[in-house]
Amino acid sequence: DWENHRTDTQYEDALIAKVFLFQFVNSYISLYYIAFLKDNVSIFGVSDECVPNCIQELQTQLASIFITQMVIGQAKEVLIPYLKAKAMMKLEDRKVKKQSGQKVPST
């Protein structure tokens, strides 16, 4: 919010670019590290080696990233709307019971 954009469109475009870049780097930096740096670089004097090889480790990492993103996406698309609908139905039932004079159980 310190960038002082002239229009809301410029602000939104800059925000979209930054969020995309952050998510991309955050998700895939581990793949870059395994593919290009793991066998060749030592960090703080400690060398890291691929076990048993880098291709298999890359495959495992890529599968875990995609499966995690798929599960989170499904939860957002299915589970959250389902829970919202259940909550709305519960609130509506309480409202109807309250209007009809029935005792509403406390939760």
N, C-alpha and C. Protein backbone atom coordinates (compact mmCIF):
# COMPACT_ATOMS: atom_id res chain seq x y z
N ASP A 1 0.80 -1.20 0.00
CA ASP A 1 0.00 0.00 0.00
C ASP A 1 0.85 1.27 0.00
N TRP A 2 2.15 1.15 0.00
CA TRP A 2 3.02 2.32 0.00
C TRP A 2 3.44 2.74 -1.39
N GLU A 3 2.95 2.09 -2.42
CA GLU A 3 3.41 2.35 -3.78
C GLU A 3 2.71 3.53 -4.44
N ASN A 4 1.59 3.97 -3.92
CA ASN A 4 0.91 5.16 -4.41
C ASN A 4 0.53 5.07 -5.88
N HIS A 5 -0.25 4.07 -6.23
CA HIS A 5 -0.72 3.90 -7.61
C HIS A 5 -1.76 4.97 -7.93
N ARG A 6 -1.79 5.37 -9.19
CA ARG A 6 -2.74 6.41 -9.60
C ARG A 6 -4.18 5.91 -9.67
N THR A 7 -4.36 4.66 -10.08
CA THR A 7 -5.72 4.13 -10.22
C THR A 7 -5.83 2.79 -9.49
N ASP A 8 -7.06 2.39 -9.24
CA ASP A 8 -7.30 1.08 -8.63
C ASP A 8 -6.85 -0.04 -9.55
N THR A 9 -7.00 0.17 -10.86
CA THR A 9 -6.58 -0.86 -11.82
C THR A 9 -5.07 -1.08 -11.75
N GLN A 10 -4.30 -0.03 -11.66
CA GLN A 10 -2.84 -0.17 -11.53
C GLN A 10 -2.49 -0.88 -10.23
N TYR A 11 -3.18 -0.53 -9.16
CA TYR A 11 -2.94 -1.18 -7.87
C TYR A 11 -3.24 -2.67 -7.96
N GLU A 12 -4.39 -3.02 -8.54
CA GLU A 12 -4.78 -4.43 -8.65
C GLU A 12 -3.83 -5.20 -9.56
N ASP A 13 -3.39 -4.59 -10.66
CA ASP A 13 -2.44 -5.25 -11.56
C ASP A 13 -1.12 -5.53 -10.85
N ALA A 14 -0.62 -4.56 -10.10
CA ALA A 14 0.63 -4.75 -9.36
C ALA A 14 0.47 -5.82 -8.29
N LEU A 15 -0.68 -5.81 -7.61
CA LEU A 15 -0.94 -6.81 -6.57
C LEU A 15 -1.00 -8.22 -7.16
N ILE A 16 -1.68 -8.36 -8.28
CA ILE A 16 -1.78 -9.67 -8.95
C ILE A 16 -0.39 -10.17 -9.34
N ALA A 17 0.43 -9.30 -9.91
CA ALA A 17 1.77 -9.70 -10.32
C ALA A 17 2.60 -10.13 -9.12
N LYS A 18 2.52 -9.40 -8.02
CA LYS A 18 3.31 -9.74 -6.83
C LYS A 18 2.83 -11.05 -6.20
N VAL A 19 1.52 -11.23 -6.12
CA VAL A 19 0.99 -12.47 -5.53
C VAL A 19 1.37 -13.67 -6.38
N PHE A 20 1.25 -13.52 -7.71
CA PHE A 20 1.63 -14.61 -8.61
C PHE A 20 3.11 -14.96 -8.45
N LEU A 21 3.96 -13.95 -8.46
CA LEU A 21 5.40 -14.18 -8.34
C LEU A 21 5.73 -14.85 -7.01
N PHE A 22 5.14 -14.37 -5.92
CA PHE A 22 5.41 -14.97 -4.61
C PHE A 22 4.97 -16.42 -4.57
N GLN A 23 3.75 -16.70 -5.03
CA GLN A 23 3.25 -18.08 -4.99
C GLN A 23 4.08 -19.00 -5.89
N PHE A 24 4.50 -18.51 -7.05
CA PHE A 24 5.30 -19.32 -7.96
C PHE A 24 6.65 -19.67 -7.31
N VAL A 25 7.33 -18.66 -6.80
CA VAL A 25 8.64 -18.90 -6.17
C VAL A 25 8.47 -19.78 -4.95
N ASN A 26 7.48 -19.50 -4.12
CA ASN A 26 7.26 -20.27 -2.91
C ASN A 26 6.96 -21.73 -3.20
N SER A 27 6.24 -22.00 -4.28
CA SER A 27 5.88 -23.38 -4.61
C SER A 27 7.01 -24.15 -5.28
N TYR A 28 7.75 -23.49 -6.15
CA TYR A 28 8.67 -24.23 -7.01
C TYR A 28 10.15 -24.02 -6.73
N ILE A 29 10.51 -23.23 -5.72
CA ILE A 29 11.93 -23.04 -5.41
C ILE A 29 12.58 -24.34 -4.95
N SER A 30 11.81 -25.19 -4.30
CA SER A 30 12.37 -26.48 -3.86
C SER A 30 12.76 -27.35 -5.05
N LEU A 31 11.96 -27.29 -6.12
CA LEU A 31 12.30 -28.06 -7.32
C LEU A 31 13.59 -27.54 -7.95
N TYR A 32 13.73 -26.24 -8.02
CA TYR A 32 14.96 -25.63 -8.56
C TYR A 32 16.16 -26.04 -7.72
N TYR A 33 16.01 -26.00 -6.40
CA TYR A 33 17.11 -26.37 -5.51
C TYR A 33 17.52 -27.83 -5.72
N ILE A 34 16.55 -28.72 -5.76
CA ILE A 34 16.87 -30.14 -5.94
C ILE A 34 17.51 -30.39 -7.30
N ALA A 35 16.98 -29.76 -8.35
CA ALA A 35 17.47 -30.03 -9.70
C ALA A 35 18.86 -29.46 -9.96
N PHE A 36 19.14 -28.27 -9.45
CA PHE A 36 20.37 -27.60 -9.86
C PHE A 36 21.39 -27.37 -8.76
N LEU A 37 20.97 -27.30 -7.52
CA LEU A 37 21.91 -26.90 -6.47
C LEU A 37 22.24 -27.98 -5.45
N LYS A 38 21.38 -28.92 -5.22
CA LYS A 38 21.52 -29.84 -4.10
C LYS A 38 22.84 -30.60 -4.11
N ASP A 39 23.23 -31.16 -5.23
CA ASP A 39 24.48 -31.93 -5.29
C ASP A 39 25.72 -31.05 -5.41
N ASN A 40 25.56 -29.79 -5.80
CA ASN A 40 26.71 -28.95 -6.13
C ASN A 40 27.06 -27.89 -5.11
N VAL A 41 26.19 -27.62 -4.15
CA VAL A 41 26.40 -26.50 -3.24
C VAL A 41 26.42 -27.00 -1.81
N SER A 42 27.31 -26.43 -1.00
CA SER A 42 27.28 -26.71 0.43
C SER A 42 26.84 -25.44 1.15
N ILE A 43 25.91 -25.59 2.06
CA ILE A 43 25.37 -24.47 2.80
C ILE A 43 25.87 -24.56 4.24
N PHE A 44 26.54 -23.52 4.71
CA PHE A 44 27.15 -23.46 6.03
C PHE A 44 28.10 -24.64 6.25
N GLY A 45 28.80 -25.03 5.20
CA GLY A 45 29.76 -26.11 5.29
C GLY A 45 29.17 -27.50 5.24
N VAL A 46 27.88 -27.59 5.09
CA VAL A 46 27.20 -28.90 5.04
C VAL A 46 26.76 -29.15 3.61
N SER A 47 27.25 -30.25 3.03
CA SER A 47 26.83 -30.58 1.68
C SER A 47 25.61 -31.50 1.74
N ASP A 48 24.74 -31.32 0.79
CA ASP A 48 23.50 -32.08 0.73
C ASP A 48 23.55 -32.95 -0.52
N GLU A 49 23.15 -34.19 -0.39
CA GLU A 49 23.18 -35.10 -1.54
C GLU A 49 21.79 -35.68 -1.77
N CYS A 50 21.50 -35.94 -3.04
CA CYS A 50 20.23 -36.57 -3.38
C CYS A 50 20.27 -38.05 -3.03
N VAL A 51 19.20 -38.53 -2.41
CA VAL A 51 19.13 -39.94 -2.03
C VAL A 51 17.90 -40.54 -2.67
N PRO A 52 17.92 -41.56 -3.46
CA PRO A 52 19.06 -42.20 -4.11
C PRO A 52 19.58 -41.39 -5.29
N ASN A 53 18.72 -40.64 -5.97
CA ASN A 53 19.20 -39.75 -7.03
C ASN A 53 18.27 -38.54 -7.12
N CYS A 54 18.73 -37.51 -7.81
CA CYS A 54 17.97 -36.25 -7.85
C CYS A 54 16.68 -36.37 -8.65
N ILE A 55 16.67 -37.19 -9.69
CA ILE A 55 15.45 -37.32 -10.50
C ILE A 55 14.32 -37.92 -9.68
N GLN A 56 14.62 -38.94 -8.90
CA GLN A 56 13.59 -39.56 -8.07
C GLN A 56 13.12 -38.59 -6.99
N GLU A 57 14.03 -37.83 -6.42
CA GLU A 57 13.65 -36.84 -5.41
C GLU A 57 12.81 -35.72 -6.02
N LEU A 58 13.15 -35.31 -7.23
CA LEU A 58 12.34 -34.32 -7.95
C LEU A 58 10.94 -34.84 -8.21
N GLN A 59 10.85 -36.09 -8.63
CA GLN A 59 9.55 -36.70 -8.91
C GLN A 59 8.69 -36.73 -7.66
N THR A 60 9.27 -37.10 -6.54
CA THR A 60 8.54 -37.14 -5.28
C THR A 60 8.08 -35.74 -4.86
N GLN A 61 8.98 -34.77 -4.97
CA GLN A 61 8.64 -33.40 -4.59
C GLN A 61 7.53 -32.83 -5.47
N LEU A 62 7.63 -33.05 -6.77
CA LEU A 62 6.63 -32.55 -7.70
C LEU A 62 5.27 -33.18 -7.45
N ALA A 63 5.26 -34.49 -7.20
CA ALA A 63 4.00 -35.18 -6.90
C ALA A 63 3.38 -34.64 -5.62
N SER A 64 4.19 -34.40 -4.60
CA SER A 64 3.64 -33.89 -3.34
C SER A 64 3.10 -32.48 -3.50
N ILE A 65 3.75 -31.64 -4.31
CA ILE A 65 3.25 -30.29 -4.55
C ILE A 65 1.91 -30.35 -5.27
N PHE A 66 1.82 -31.12 -6.34
CA PHE A 66 0.58 -31.18 -7.11
C PHE A 66 -0.57 -31.81 -6.32
N ILE A 67 -0.30 -32.86 -5.56
CA ILE A 67 -1.35 -33.50 -4.77
C ILE A 67 -1.84 -32.55 -3.69
N THR A 68 -0.93 -31.86 -3.03
CA THR A 68 -1.32 -30.90 -2.00
C THR A 68 -2.18 -29.79 -2.58
N GLN A 69 -1.77 -29.23 -3.72
CA GLN A 69 -2.56 -28.17 -4.36
C GLN A 69 -3.93 -28.68 -4.80
N MET A 70 -3.99 -29.91 -5.26
CA MET A 70 -5.26 -30.48 -5.70
C MET A 70 -6.21 -30.67 -4.51
N VAL A 71 -5.70 -31.17 -3.40
CA VAL A 71 -6.53 -31.39 -2.22
C VAL A 71 -7.03 -30.06 -1.68
N ILE A 72 -6.16 -29.06 -1.61
CA ILE A 72 -6.56 -27.74 -1.12
C ILE A 72 -7.60 -27.13 -2.05
N GLY A 73 -7.42 -27.26 -3.35
CA GLY A 73 -8.39 -26.73 -4.31
C GLY A 73 -9.74 -27.40 -4.19
N GLN A 74 -9.75 -28.71 -4.00
CA GLN A 74 -11.01 -29.43 -3.84
C GLN A 74 -11.71 -29.01 -2.55
N ALA A 75 -10.94 -28.83 -1.49
CA ALA A 75 -11.54 -28.39 -0.22
C ALA A 75 -12.16 -27.01 -0.38
N LYS A 76 -11.49 -26.13 -1.10
CA LYS A 76 -12.04 -24.79 -1.31
C LYS A 76 -13.32 -24.84 -2.14
N GLU A 77 -13.35 -25.71 -3.13
CA GLU A 77 -14.50 -25.76 -4.04
C GLU A 77 -15.69 -26.54 -3.48
N VAL A 78 -15.42 -27.54 -2.65
CA VAL A 78 -16.50 -28.42 -2.21
C VAL A 78 -16.79 -28.27 -0.72
N LEU A 79 -15.79 -28.40 0.10
CA LEU A 79 -15.98 -28.46 1.54
C LEU A 79 -16.45 -27.13 2.13
N ILE A 80 -15.82 -26.04 1.76
CA ILE A 80 -16.18 -24.74 2.32
C ILE A 80 -17.61 -24.34 1.95
N PRO A 81 -18.04 -24.45 0.67
CA PRO A 81 -19.44 -24.13 0.37
C PRO A 81 -20.43 -25.06 1.10
N TYR A 82 -20.07 -26.32 1.26
CA TYR A 82 -20.94 -27.26 1.99
C TYR A 82 -21.12 -26.82 3.43
N LEU A 83 -20.00 -26.46 4.09
CA LEU A 83 -20.07 -26.03 5.48
C LEU A 83 -20.84 -24.71 5.62
N LYS A 84 -20.66 -23.82 4.66
CA LYS A 84 -21.42 -22.57 4.69
C LYS A 84 -22.92 -22.83 4.55
N ALA A 85 -23.29 -23.72 3.65
CA ALA A 85 -24.70 -24.05 3.45
C ALA A 85 -25.30 -24.67 4.71
N LYS A 86 -24.55 -25.56 5.35
CA LYS A 86 -25.03 -26.18 6.59
C LYS A 86 -25.23 -25.13 7.68
N ALA A 87 -24.29 -24.20 7.79
CA ALA A 87 -24.40 -23.14 8.80
C ALA A 87 -25.60 -22.25 8.52
N MET A 88 -25.82 -21.92 7.25
CA MET A 88 -26.98 -21.08 6.89
C MET A 88 -28.29 -21.80 7.20
N MET A 89 -28.35 -23.11 6.92
CA MET A 89 -29.56 -23.88 7.23
C MET A 89 -29.82 -23.90 8.73
N LYS A 90 -28.76 -24.05 9.51
CA LYS A 90 -28.90 -24.08 10.96
C LYS A 90 -29.39 -22.73 11.48
N LEU A 91 -28.84 -21.65 10.93
CA LEU A 91 -29.29 -20.32 11.33
C LEU A 91 -30.75 -20.08 10.94
N GLU A 92 -31.13 -20.54 9.76
CA GLU A 92 -32.51 -20.39 9.30
C GLU A 92 -33.47 -21.18 10.19
N ASP A 93 -33.08 -22.41 10.56
CA ASP A 93 -33.91 -23.22 11.46
C ASP A 93 -34.10 -22.52 12.80
N ARG A 94 -33.04 -21.94 13.35
CA ARG A 94 -33.15 -21.22 14.62
C ARG A 94 -34.09 -20.02 14.48
N LYS A 95 -33.96 -19.33 13.36
CA LYS A 95 -34.80 -18.15 13.14
C LYS A 95 -36.28 -18.55 13.07
N VAL A 96 -36.57 -19.62 12.34
CA VAL A 96 -37.95 -20.10 12.21
C VAL A 96 -38.48 -20.54 13.57
N LYS A 97 -37.69 -21.28 14.32
CA LYS A 97 -38.13 -21.75 15.64
C LYS A 97 -38.37 -20.58 16.59
N LYS A 98 -37.50 -19.58 16.50
CA LYS A 98 -37.64 -18.41 17.35
C LYS A 98 -38.91 -17.64 17.01
N GLN A 99 -39.22 -17.51 15.72
CA GLN A 99 -40.41 -16.79 15.29
C GLN A 99 -41.68 -17.54 15.65
N SER A 100 -41.61 -18.87 15.64
CA SER A 100 -42.81 -19.66 15.95
C SER A 100 -42.99 -19.84 17.45
N GLY A 101 -42.05 -19.36 18.25
CA GLY A 101 -42.19 -19.42 19.70
C GLY A 101 -41.65 -20.68 20.31
N GLN A 102 -41.03 -21.55 19.54
CA GLN A 102 -40.43 -22.76 20.09
C GLN A 102 -39.14 -22.39 20.80
N LYS A 103 -38.78 -23.22 21.78
CA LYS A 103 -37.54 -22.99 22.50
C LYS A 103 -36.36 -23.39 21.62
N VAL A 104 -35.39 -22.48 21.52
CA VAL A 104 -34.20 -22.73 20.69
C VAL A 104 -33.11 -23.25 21.60
N PRO A 105 -32.59 -24.46 21.31
CA PRO A 105 -31.51 -25.00 22.15
C PRO A 105 -30.24 -24.17 21.99
N SER A 106 -29.54 -23.94 23.09
CA SER A 106 -28.28 -23.19 23.00
C SER A 106 -27.15 -24.16 22.65
N THR A 107 -26.20 -23.63 21.88
CA THR A 107 -25.05 -24.47 21.49
C THR A 107 -23.78 -23.93 22.02
